[in-house]
C-alpha atoms as a PDB file:
ATOM      1  CA  MET A   1      16.010 -67.699 -56.514  1.00  0.00           C
ATOM      2  CA  PRO A   2      13.689 -70.587 -57.015  1.00  0.00           C
ATOM      3  CA  GLU A   3      11.299 -70.573 -54.104  1.00  0.00           C
ATOM      4  CA  LEU A   4       8.854 -72.892 -52.807  1.00  0.00           C
ATOM      5  CA  PRO A   5       6.317 -72.877 -55.712  1.00  0.00           C
ATOM      6  CA  GLU A   6       8.795 -73.360 -58.309  1.00  0.00           C
ATOM      7  CA  VAL A   7      10.630 -76.181 -56.430  1.00  0.00           C
ATOM      8  CA  GLU A   8       7.336 -77.925 -55.707  1.00  0.00           C
ATOM      9  CA  ALA A   9       6.721 -77.586 -59.510  1.00  0.00           C
ATOM     10  CA  LEU A  10      10.083 -79.227 -60.238  1.00  0.00           C
ATOM     11  CA  ARG A  11       9.399 -82.073 -57.781  1.00  0.00           C
ATOM     12  CA  ALA A  12       6.178 -82.824 -59.364  1.00  0.00           C
ATOM     13  CA  PHE A  13       7.811 -82.653 -62.891  1.00  0.00           C
ATOM     14  CA  LEU A  14      10.613 -84.836 -61.601  1.00  0.00           C
ATOM     15  CA  ASP A  15       8.229 -87.272 -59.883  1.00  0.00           C
ATOM     16  CA  GLU A  16       6.502 -87.934 -63.126  1.00  0.00           C
ATOM     17  CA  HIS A  17       9.718 -88.111 -65.345  1.00  0.00           C
ATOM     18  CA  LEU A  18      12.153 -89.849 -62.850  1.00  0.00           C
ATOM     19  CA  VAL A  19      10.508 -92.276 -60.606  1.00  0.00           C
ATOM     20  CA  GLY A  20      11.187 -95.883 -61.538  1.00  0.00           C
ATOM     21  CA  LYS A  21      14.051 -95.084 -63.908  1.00  0.00           C
ATOM     22  CA  GLU A  22      17.719 -96.031 -63.342  1.00  0.00           C
ATOM     23  CA  ILE A  23      20.598 -93.538 -62.983  1.00  0.00           C
ATOM     24  CA  ALA A  24      23.400 -94.551 -65.267  1.00  0.00           C
ATOM     25  CA  ARG A  25      25.884 -91.825 -64.041  1.00  0.00           C
ATOM     26  CA  VAL A  26      26.094 -88.640 -62.153  1.00  0.00           C
ATOM     27  CA  LEU A  27      28.623 -86.519 -63.626  1.00  0.00           C
ATOM     28  CA  PRO A  28      29.990 -83.408 -61.611  1.00  0.00           C
ATOM     29  CA  VAL A  29      31.302 -80.642 -63.852  1.00  0.00           C
ATOM     30  CA  ALA A  30      31.985 -78.243 -61.095  1.00  0.00           C
ATOM     31  CA  ILE A  31      33.746 -79.979 -58.148  1.00  0.00           C
ATOM     32  CA  SER A  32      32.592 -77.117 -55.946  1.00  0.00           C
ATOM     33  CA  VAL A  33      28.801 -78.290 -56.423  1.00  0.00           C
ATOM     34  CA  LEU A  34      29.492 -81.308 -54.311  1.00  0.00           C
ATOM     35  CA  LYS A  35      29.207 -80.783 -50.576  1.00  0.00           C
ATOM     36  CA  THR A  36      29.394 -84.338 -49.293  1.00  0.00           C
ATOM     37  CA  TYR A  37      32.024 -87.175 -50.100  1.00  0.00           C
ATOM     38  CA  ASP A  38      30.643 -90.124 -48.174  1.00  0.00           C
ATOM     39  CA  PRO A  39      28.907 -91.891 -49.517  1.00  0.00           C
ATOM     40  CA  PRO A  40      30.770 -90.919 -52.869  1.00  0.00           C
ATOM     41  CA  VAL A  41      28.472 -89.601 -55.793  1.00  0.00           C
ATOM     42  CA  THR A  42      29.499 -92.852 -57.762  1.00  0.00           C
ATOM     43  CA  ALA A  43      27.325 -94.811 -55.230  1.00  0.00           C
ATOM     44  CA  LEU A  44      24.377 -93.405 -57.185  1.00  0.00           C
ATOM     45  CA  ASP A  45      25.526 -95.254 -60.436  1.00  0.00           C
ATOM     46  CA  GLY A  46      22.956 -97.945 -61.015  1.00  0.00           C
ATOM     47  CA  ALA A  47      20.513 -96.728 -58.536  1.00  0.00           C
ATOM     48  CA  ARG A  48      16.751 -96.632 -59.289  1.00  0.00           C
ATOM     49  CA  VAL A  49      14.835 -93.385 -58.399  1.00  0.00           C
ATOM     50  CA  THR A  50      11.970 -94.252 -55.842  1.00  0.00           C
ATOM     51  CA  GLY A  51      10.501 -90.874 -55.136  1.00  0.00           C
ATOM     52  CA  VAL A  52      10.998 -87.060 -55.361  1.00  0.00           C
ATOM     53  CA  ALA A  53      10.368 -85.028 -52.136  1.00  0.00           C
ATOM     54  CA  ARG A  54      10.667 -81.159 -51.431  1.00  0.00           C
ATOM     55  CA  HIS A  55      11.968 -79.786 -48.276  1.00  0.00           C
ATOM     56  CA  GLY A  56      11.460 -75.941 -48.266  1.00  0.00           C
ATOM     57  CA  LYS A  57      13.743 -74.995 -51.376  1.00  0.00           C
ATOM     58  CA  PHE A  58      15.580 -78.296 -51.301  1.00  0.00           C
ATOM     59  CA  LEU A  59      14.897 -81.150 -53.826  1.00  0.00           C
ATOM     60  CA  ASP A  60      15.361 -84.659 -52.717  1.00  0.00           C
ATOM     61  CA  LEU A  61      15.671 -87.571 -54.926  1.00  0.00           C
ATOM     62  CA  ALA A  62      15.357 -90.763 -53.108  1.00  0.00           C
ATOM     63  CA  THR A  63      17.189 -93.931 -54.675  1.00  0.00           C
ATOM     64  CA  GLU A  64      17.663 -97.548 -53.809  1.00  0.00           C
ATOM     65  CA  GLY A  65      19.471-100.780 -55.106  1.00  0.00           C
ATOM     66  CA  ALA A  66      22.871 -99.303 -56.438  1.00  0.00           C
ATOM     67  CA  GLU A  67      24.955-102.181 -57.898  1.00  0.00           C
ATOM     68  CA  GLY A  68      28.317-102.851 -56.140  1.00  0.00           C
ATOM     69  CA  VAL A  69      27.486-100.601 -53.247  1.00  0.00           C
ATOM     70  CA  ALA A  70      25.235-102.838 -51.096  1.00  0.00           C
ATOM     71  CA  GLY A  71      24.508-101.416 -47.716  1.00  0.00           C
ATOM     72  CA  ALA A  72      26.141 -98.047 -48.623  1.00  0.00           C
ATOM     73  CA  GLY A  73      22.953 -96.178 -47.858  1.00  0.00           C
ATOM     74  CA  GLY A  74      22.070 -98.400 -44.798  1.00  0.00           C
ATOM     75  CA  ALA A  75      19.160-100.693 -44.737  1.00  0.00           C
ATOM     76  CA  GLY A  76      18.073-101.453 -48.207  1.00  0.00           C
ATOM     77  CA  GLY A  77      20.728 -99.369 -49.644  1.00  0.00           C
ATOM     78  CA  GLU A  78      18.718 -96.163 -49.682  1.00  0.00           C
ATOM     79  CA  LEU A  79      20.492 -93.073 -50.757  1.00  0.00           C
ATOM     80  CA  HIS A  80      19.322 -89.400 -51.366  1.00  0.00           C
ATOM     81  CA  LEU A  81      20.643 -86.779 -53.825  1.00  0.00           C
ATOM     82  CA  VAL A  82      19.614 -83.422 -52.241  1.00  0.00           C
ATOM     83  CA  THR A  83      19.904 -80.207 -54.282  1.00  0.00           C
ATOM     84  CA  HIS A  84      19.641 -76.619 -53.356  1.00  0.00           C
ATOM     85  CA  LEU A  85      19.411 -74.437 -56.469  1.00  0.00           C
ATOM     86  CA  ALA A  86      20.637 -71.236 -54.649  1.00  0.00           C
ATOM     87  CA  ARG A  87      20.138 -67.824 -56.260  1.00  0.00           C
ATOM     88  CA  ALA A  88      20.858 -68.674 -59.916  1.00  0.00           C
ATOM     89  CA  GLY A  89      20.860 -72.435 -60.283  1.00  0.00           C
ATOM     90  CA  TRP A  90      18.208 -74.242 -62.386  1.00  0.00           C
ATOM     91  CA  LEU A  91      17.251 -77.659 -63.642  1.00  0.00           C
ATOM     92  CA  HIS A  92      17.044 -78.433 -67.401  1.00  0.00           C
ATOM     93  CA  TRP A  93      15.587 -81.691 -68.334  1.00  0.00           C
ATOM     94  CA  LYS A  94      16.498 -83.284 -71.448  1.00  0.00           C
ATOM     95  CA  ASP A  95      14.777 -86.077 -73.533  1.00  0.00           C
ATOM     96  CA  VAL A  96      18.230 -86.986 -74.953  1.00  0.00           C
ATOM     97  CA  LEU A  97      21.297 -86.148 -73.423  1.00  0.00           C
ATOM     98  CA  PRO A  98      24.405 -85.290 -75.373  1.00  0.00           C
ATOM     99  CA  SER A  99      26.503 -88.475 -76.085  1.00  0.00           C
ATOM    100  CA  GLY A 100      29.730 -87.404 -74.914  1.00  0.00           C
ATOM    101  CA  PRO A 101      30.765 -86.507 -71.283  1.00  0.00           C
ATOM    102  CA  PRO A 102      30.444 -82.863 -70.332  1.00  0.00           C
ATOM    103  CA  LYS A 103      33.761 -81.032 -70.233  1.00  0.00           C
ATOM    104  CA  PRO A 104      34.561 -78.855 -67.221  1.00  0.00           C
ATOM    105  CA  GLY A 105      35.118 -75.116 -68.039  1.00  0.00           C
ATOM    106  CA  LYS A 106      33.758 -71.650 -67.399  1.00  0.00           C
ATOM    107  CA  GLY A 107      30.091 -72.457 -68.687  1.00  0.00           C
ATOM    108  CA  PRO A 108      27.103 -72.662 -66.376  1.00  0.00           C
ATOM    109  CA  LEU A 109      26.928 -76.534 -66.347  1.00  0.00           C
ATOM    110  CA  ALA A 110      27.537 -77.951 -62.768  1.00  0.00           C
ATOM    111  CA  LEU A 111      26.191 -81.321 -62.603  1.00  0.00           C
ATOM    112  CA  ARG A 112      24.497 -83.901 -65.027  1.00  0.00           C
ATOM    113  CA  ILE A 113      22.528 -86.877 -64.234  1.00  0.00           C
ATOM    114  CA  ALA A 114      22.274 -89.511 -66.974  1.00  0.00           C
ATOM    115  CA  LEU A 115      19.591 -92.113 -66.908  1.00  0.00           C
ATOM    116  CA  THR A 116      19.971 -95.601 -68.656  1.00  0.00           C
ATOM    117  CA  GLY A 117      17.216 -94.704 -71.144  1.00  0.00           C
ATOM    118  CA  GLY A 118      19.477 -91.858 -72.602  1.00  0.00           C
ATOM    119  CA  ASP A 119      17.407 -89.020 -71.070  1.00  0.00           C
ATOM    120  CA  GLY A 120      18.342 -86.971 -67.920  1.00  0.00           C
ATOM    121  CA  PHE A 121      19.007 -83.343 -66.736  1.00  0.00           C
ATOM    122  CA  ASP A 122      21.360 -80.841 -66.105  1.00  0.00           C
ATOM    123  CA  LEU A 123      21.912 -78.543 -63.087  1.00  0.00           C
ATOM    124  CA  THR A 124      23.251 -75.348 -64.089  1.00  0.00           C
ATOM    125  CA  GLU A 125      24.161 -72.110 -62.391  1.00  0.00           C
ATOM    126  CA  ALA A 126      24.663 -68.705 -64.045  1.00  0.00           C
ATOM    127  CA  GLY A 127      27.104 -65.982 -62.717  1.00  0.00           C
ATOM    128  CA  THR A 128      30.457 -66.076 -61.053  1.00  0.00           C
ATOM    129  CA  THR A 129      29.155 -66.588 -57.500  1.00  0.00           C
ATOM    130  CA  LYS A 130      28.635 -70.292 -57.168  1.00  0.00           C
ATOM    131  CA  ARG A 131      26.345 -71.445 -54.380  1.00  0.00           C
ATOM    132  CA  LEU A 132      24.370 -74.401 -55.925  1.00  0.00           C
ATOM    133  CA  ALA A 133      24.892 -77.276 -53.763  1.00  0.00           C
ATOM    134  CA  VAL A 134      24.417 -81.255 -54.162  1.00  0.00           C
ATOM    135  CA  TYR A 135      24.628 -83.630 -51.364  1.00  0.00           C
ATOM    136  CA  VAL A 136      24.577 -87.474 -51.265  1.00  0.00           C
ATOM    137  CA  VAL A 137      23.387 -88.711 -48.005  1.00  0.00           C
ATOM    138  CA  ARG A 138      21.550 -91.552 -46.485  1.00  0.00           C
ATOM    139  CA  ASP A 139      19.019 -89.377 -44.876  1.00  0.00           C
ATOM    140  CA  PRO A 140      17.857 -85.830 -46.049  1.00  0.00           C
ATOM    141  CA  GLY A 141      18.165 -84.680 -42.367  1.00  0.00           C
ATOM    142  CA  GLU A 142      21.937 -85.093 -42.550  1.00  0.00           C
ATOM    143  CA  VAL A 143      22.040 -81.938 -44.829  1.00  0.00           C
ATOM    144  CA  PRO A 144      22.403 -78.899 -42.649  1.00  0.00           C
ATOM    145  CA  GLY A 145      20.186 -76.668 -44.368  1.00  0.00           C
ATOM    146  CA  VAL A 146      17.298 -79.374 -44.356  1.00  0.00           C
ATOM    147  CA  ALA A 147      18.032 -80.067 -40.667  1.00  0.00           C
ATOM    148  CA  ARG A 148      17.291 -76.461 -39.557  1.00  0.00           C
ATOM    149  CA  LEU A 149      14.075 -75.930 -41.629  1.00  0.00           C
ATOM    150  CA  GLY A 150      11.061 -74.455 -40.166  1.00  0.00           C
ATOM    151  CA  PRO A 151       7.552 -75.889 -40.900  1.00  0.00           C
ATOM    152  CA  ASP A 152       6.307 -75.762 -44.498  1.00  0.00           C
ATOM    153  CA  PRO A 153       3.738 -73.053 -44.949  1.00  0.00           C
ATOM    154  CA  LEU A 154       1.412 -75.306 -46.968  1.00  0.00           C
ATOM    155  CA  ALA A 155       1.513 -78.169 -44.804  1.00  0.00           C
ATOM    156  CA  ALA A 156      -1.984 -79.272 -43.747  1.00  0.00           C
ATOM    157  CA  GLU A 157      -1.040 -79.155 -40.012  1.00  0.00           C
ATOM    158  CA  PHE A 158       0.397 -75.562 -40.229  1.00  0.00           C
ATOM    159  CA  ASP A 159      -2.835 -73.802 -39.176  1.00  0.00           C
ATOM    160  CA  LEU A 160      -3.266 -70.229 -37.902  1.00  0.00           C
ATOM    161  CA  ALA A 161      -2.792 -71.274 -34.231  1.00  0.00           C
ATOM    162  CA  ALA A 162       0.676 -72.796 -35.327  1.00  0.00           C
ATOM    163  CA  PHE A 163       1.686 -69.514 -37.289  1.00  0.00           C
ATOM    164  CA  THR A 164       0.651 -67.289 -34.361  1.00  0.00           C
ATOM    165  CA  ALA A 165       2.662 -69.562 -31.928  1.00  0.00           C
ATOM    166  CA  LEU A 166       5.594 -69.400 -34.362  1.00  0.00           C
ATOM    167  CA  LEU A 167       5.562 -65.696 -34.219  1.00  0.00           C
ATOM    168  CA  ALA A 168       5.462 -65.206 -30.585  1.00  0.00           C
ATOM    169  CA  GLY A 169       8.422 -63.659 -29.312  1.00  0.00           C
ATOM    170  CA  GLU A 170       9.823 -62.648 -32.712  1.00  0.00           C
ATOM    171  CA  ARG A 171      10.941 -58.935 -32.507  1.00  0.00           C
ATOM    172  CA  ARG A 172      12.216 -58.572 -36.261  1.00  0.00           C
ATOM    173  CA  GLN A 173      10.643 -56.881 -39.301  1.00  0.00           C
ATOM    174  CA  ILE A 174       8.191 -59.105 -40.864  1.00  0.00           C
ATOM    175  CA  LYS A 175       9.941 -59.291 -44.182  1.00  0.00           C
ATOM    176  CA  GLY A 176      13.014 -60.721 -42.619  1.00  0.00           C
ATOM    177  CA  ALA A 177      10.988 -63.157 -40.515  1.00  0.00           C
ATOM    178  CA  LEU A 178       9.135 -64.630 -43.500  1.00  0.00           C
ATOM    179  CA  ARG A 179      12.479 -65.194 -45.249  1.00  0.00           C
ATOM    180  CA  ASP A 180      13.999 -67.021 -42.353  1.00  0.00           C
ATOM    181  CA  GLN A 181      14.174 -70.726 -43.460  1.00  0.00           C
ATOM    182  CA  SER A 182      14.428 -71.960 -39.738  1.00  0.00           C
ATOM    183  CA  LEU A 183      11.121 -70.130 -39.146  1.00  0.00           C
ATOM    184  CA  ILE A 184       9.254 -71.026 -42.044  1.00  0.00           C
ATOM    185  CA  ALA A 185      10.538 -73.150 -44.945  1.00  0.00           C
ATOM    186  CA  GLY A 186      10.443 -72.196 -48.596  1.00  0.00           C
ATOM    187  CA  ILE A 187       9.640 -68.362 -48.802  1.00  0.00           C
ATOM    188  CA  GLY A 188      12.295 -66.097 -50.295  1.00  0.00           C
ATOM    189  CA  ASN A 189      12.665 -62.685 -51.397  1.00  0.00           C
ATOM    190  CA  ALA A 190      10.094 -62.486 -54.188  1.00  0.00           C
ATOM    191  CA  TYR A 191       7.327 -64.392 -52.602  1.00  0.00           C
ATOM    192  CA  SER A 192       7.613 -62.338 -49.217  1.00  0.00           C
ATOM    193  CA  ASP A 193       7.009 -59.214 -51.475  1.00  0.00           C
ATOM    194  CA  GLU A 194       4.010 -60.889 -52.790  1.00  0.00           C
ATOM    195  CA  ILE A 195       2.688 -62.129 -49.613  1.00  0.00           C
ATOM    196  CA  LEU A 196       3.153 -58.624 -47.833  1.00  0.00           C
ATOM    197  CA  HIS A 197       1.511 -56.916 -50.635  1.00  0.00           C
ATOM    198  CA  ALA A 198      -1.505 -59.248 -50.519  1.00  0.00           C
ATOM    199  CA  ALA A 199      -1.648 -58.755 -46.766  1.00  0.00           C
ATOM    200  CA  LYS A 200      -1.589 -54.884 -47.292  1.00  0.00           C
ATOM    201  CA  MET A 201       1.432 -54.831 -44.713  1.00  0.00           C
ATOM    202  CA  SER A 202       4.604 -52.856 -44.685  1.00  0.00           C
ATOM    203  CA  PRO A 203       7.785 -55.017 -45.068  1.00  0.00           C
ATOM    204  CA  PHE A 204       9.339 -53.248 -42.246  1.00  0.00           C
ATOM    205  CA  LYS A 205       6.475 -53.649 -39.660  1.00  0.00           C
ATOM    206  CA  PRO A 206       7.778 -55.180 -36.576  1.00  0.00           C
ATOM    207  CA  VAL A 207       6.509 -58.749 -35.962  1.00  0.00           C
ATOM    208  CA  GLN A 208       5.661 -57.890 -32.228  1.00  0.00           C
ATOM    209  CA  ASN A 209       3.403 -55.132 -33.406  1.00  0.00           C
ATOM    210  CA  LEU A 210       1.101 -57.394 -35.383  1.00  0.00           C
ATOM    211  CA  THR A 211      -2.524 -57.490 -33.914  1.00  0.00           C
ATOM    212  CA  ALA A 212      -4.485 -60.950 -33.987  1.00  0.00           C
ATOM    213  CA  ALA A 213      -6.470 -59.659 -36.901  1.00  0.00           C
ATOM    214  CA  GLU A 214      -3.246 -58.695 -38.853  1.00  0.00           C
ATOM    215  CA  THR A 215      -1.502 -62.182 -37.933  1.00  0.00           C
ATOM    216  CA  ALA A 216      -4.685 -63.750 -39.505  1.00  0.00           C
ATOM    217  CA  ALA A 217      -4.497 -61.696 -42.538  1.00  0.00           C
ATOM    218  CA  LEU A 218      -0.724 -62.294 -43.002  1.00  0.00           C
ATOM    219  CA  TYR A 219      -1.354 -66.077 -42.685  1.00  0.00           C
ATOM    220  CA  GLU A 220      -4.231 -66.086 -45.113  1.00  0.00           C
ATOM    221  CA  ALA A 221      -1.990 -64.127 -47.667  1.00  0.00           C
ATOM    222  CA  MET A 222       0.725 -66.289 -47.198  1.00  0.00           C
ATOM    223  CA  ARG A 223      -1.247 -69.559 -47.771  1.00  0.00           C
ATOM    224  CA  ALA A 224      -3.229 -68.019 -50.556  1.00  0.00           C
ATOM    225  CA  THR A 225      -0.209 -66.533 -52.458  1.00  0.00           C
ATOM    226  CA  LEU A 226       1.869 -69.690 -52.258  1.00  0.00           C
ATOM    227  CA  ALA A 227      -0.829 -72.023 -53.220  1.00  0.00           C
ATOM    228  CA  GLU A 228      -1.913 -69.868 -56.087  1.00  0.00           C
ATOM    229  CA  ALA A 229       1.641 -69.735 -57.400  1.00  0.00           C
ATOM    230  CA  VAL A 230       1.894 -73.680 -57.019  1.00  0.00           C
ATOM    231  CA  GLU A 231      -1.258 -74.166 -59.057  1.00  0.00           C
ATOM    232  CA  ARG A 232      -0.209 -71.911 -61.732  1.00  0.00           C
ATOM    233  CA  SER A 233       3.012 -73.785 -62.210  1.00  0.00           C
ATOM    234  CA  HIS A 234       1.368 -77.240 -61.979  1.00  0.00           C
ATOM    235  CA  GLY A 235       1.879 -79.294 -65.022  1.00  0.00           C
ATOM    236  CA  LEU A 236       4.481 -77.018 -66.695  1.00  0.00           C
ATOM    237  CA  ALA A 237       7.638 -78.331 -68.093  1.00  0.00           C
ATOM    238  CA  ALA A 238      10.817 -77.094 -66.104  1.00  0.00           C
ATOM    239  CA  GLY A 239      11.749 -74.941 -68.861  1.00  0.00           C
ATOM    240  CA  ARG A 240       8.668 -72.793 -68.508  1.00  0.00           C
ATOM    241  CA  LEU A 241       8.655 -72.314 -64.483  1.00  0.00           C
ATOM    242  CA  LYS A 242      10.854 -69.170 -64.714  1.00  0.00           C
ATOM    243  CA  ALA A 243       8.598 -67.338 -67.090  1.00  0.00           C
ATOM    244  CA  GLU A 244       5.496 -68.237 -65.199  1.00  0.00           C
ATOM    245  CA  LYS A 245       7.013 -67.162 -61.922  1.00  0.00           C
ATOM    246  CA  LYS A 246       7.731 -63.556 -63.438  1.00  0.00           C
ATOM    247  CA  SER A 247       4.418 -63.307 -65.058  1.00  0.00           C
ATOM    248  CA  GLY A 248       2.559 -64.224 -61.808  1.00  0.00           C
ATOM    249  CA  LEU A 249       4.471 -61.567 -59.529  1.00  0.00           C
ATOM    250  CA  ARG A 250       2.417 -58.305 -58.709  1.00  0.00           C
ATOM    251  CA  VAL A 251       5.033 -56.159 -57.151  1.00  0.00           C
ATOM    252  CA  HIS A 252       8.376 -57.980 -56.871  1.00  0.00           C
ATOM    253  CA  GLY A 253      10.742 -57.063 -59.612  1.00  0.00           C
ATOM    254  CA  ARG A 254       8.270 -54.556 -61.063  1.00  0.00           C
ATOM    255  CA  ALA A 255       9.519 -51.121 -59.456  1.00  0.00           C
ATOM    256  CA  GLY A 256       8.293 -48.182 -61.575  1.00  0.00           C
ATOM    257  CA  GLU A 257       5.127 -50.215 -62.793  1.00  0.00           C
ATOM    258  CA  PRO A 258       1.565 -49.364 -61.498  1.00  0.00           C
ATOM    259  CA  CYS A 259       0.205 -51.614 -58.819  1.00  0.00           C
ATOM    260  CA  PRO A 260      -2.428 -53.949 -60.405  1.00  0.00           C
ATOM    261  CA  VAL A 261      -4.560 -53.264 -57.220  1.00  0.00           C
ATOM    262  CA  CYS A 262      -4.660 -49.628 -56.841  1.00  0.00           C
ATOM    263  CA  GLY A 263      -2.542 -48.054 -59.695  1.00  0.00           C
ATOM    264  CA  ASP A 264       0.018 -46.354 -57.471  1.00  0.00           C
ATOM    265  CA  THR A 265       3.587 -46.846 -58.656  1.00  0.00           C
ATOM    266  CA  VAL A 266       5.527 -49.871 -57.218  1.00  0.00           C
ATOM    267  CA  ARG A 267       8.401 -48.712 -55.350  1.00  0.00           C
ATOM    268  CA  SER A 268      11.751 -50.328 -54.277  1.00  0.00           C
ATOM    269  CA  VAL A 269      14.066 -50.442 -51.529  1.00  0.00           C
ATOM    270  CA  SER A 270      17.619 -51.441 -52.253  1.00  0.00           C
ATOM    271  CA  PHE A 271      20.069 -53.376 -49.865  1.00  0.00           C
ATOM    272  CA  SER A 272      23.710 -54.459 -50.354  1.00  0.00           C
ATOM    273  CA  ASP A 273      22.812 -57.807 -52.144  1.00  0.00           C
ATOM    274  CA  SER A 274      19.006 -57.576 -52.728  1.00  0.00           C
ATOM    275  CA  SER A 275      15.922 -55.284 -53.094  1.00  0.00           C
ATOM    276  CA  LEU A 276      12.375 -55.427 -52.148  1.00  0.00           C
ATOM    277  CA  GLN A 277       9.368 -54.075 -54.074  1.00  0.00           C
ATOM    278  CA  TYR A 278       6.174 -52.743 -52.442  1.00  0.00           C
ATOM    279  CA  CYS A 279       3.073 -50.519 -53.036  1.00  0.00           C
ATOM    280  CA  PRO A 280       2.938 -47.476 -50.841  1.00  0.00           C
ATOM    281  CA  THR A 281      -0.915 -47.096 -51.260  1.00  0.00           C
ATOM    282  CA  CYS A 282      -1.523 -50.712 -50.544  1.00  0.00           C
ATOM    283  CA  GLN A 283       0.972 -51.191 -47.718  1.00  0.00           C
ATOM    284  CA  THR A 284       2.408 -48.109 -46.092  1.00  0.00           C
ATOM    285  CA  GLY A 285      -0.451 -45.661 -46.083  1.00  0.00           C
ATOM    286  CA  GLY A 286       0.986 -43.760 -49.195  1.00  0.00           C
ATOM    287  CA  ARG A 287       4.201 -42.794 -47.771  1.00  0.00           C
ATOM    288  CA  PRO A 288       7.472 -44.215 -49.311  1.00  0.00           C
ATOM    289  CA  LEU A 289       9.975 -46.121 -47.379  1.00  0.00           C
ATOM    290  CA  ALA A 290      13.479 -44.734 -47.167  1.00  0.00           C
ATOM    291  CA  ASP A 291      15.762 -46.406 -49.554  1.00  0.00           C
ATOM    292  CA  ARG A 292      18.662 -47.348 -47.266  1.00  0.00           C
ATOM    293  CA  ARG A 293      19.544 -50.530 -45.256  1.00  0.00           C
ATOM    294  CA  LEU A 294      18.450 -49.519 -41.997  1.00  0.00           C
ATOM    295  CA  SER A 295      15.095 -47.920 -43.044  1.00  0.00           C
ATOM    296  CA  LYS A 296      12.542 -47.227 -40.251  1.00  0.00           C
ATOM    297  CA  LEU A 297       9.010 -48.434 -40.425  1.00  0.00           C
ATOM    298  CA  LEU A 298       6.601 -45.477 -41.915  1.00  0.00           C
ATOM    299  CA  LYS A 299       3.595 -45.919 -40.206  1.00  0.00           C
END
């Protein structure tokens, strides 16, 4: 799943390639991808892209001035196309789009945005489980997933005191807390593994057991891990971001490989729909975690 660093890199890429350009048509291929119907997606035809923002893992294209729909977006006719790529979605930029309209079918193409200059991008989603979501709204806060987001972990105002206050009263395992978008926006399965490895902390450690020093270490690991991932992705074309993410991960997706810090074997814990990876030496005092859904913390 694209997480904060990849979505931030996509935001920067689109900001460079889209802002100031005019949308010719938005072409849904998979009807299930559209989650809103008022305003209609056709309201974006003729609109000019004025900015690209990120809200957690959501991409937000701000537009204005669509012909024939004056006032459809409220004051100034502003509309937002907000996208969540879900687990298997991705964005593919094309300097020259195919001339004909896309044909609905069983392929991965979910939606195409064609610009008046002939360029544009496709949103695709691999696999049979379709969760990629596109919203056309007057304000990004109208998207339920955006409205419930917690603070951005890289925001300047999100300091150690804010992080400490956020964790106060939490009684979950730290891995689950980091992935909760309503608590902290943008961190998913992969980067929570990376953050906990950098903090030398078990993924099953209860939040309420964190000492002040451990909370500070976790905060610094979170900020550094995400900032470094954003920096690695800066300036890369959209098509290269997936490979960059994988190459930069130390433990996630690397079960059976040596830990780059201590050399111990990276281990995995599997759940019904996901898995986590960790280093026993770095994170759990050398002892492996039981590989079952209700594993207990091994101190």
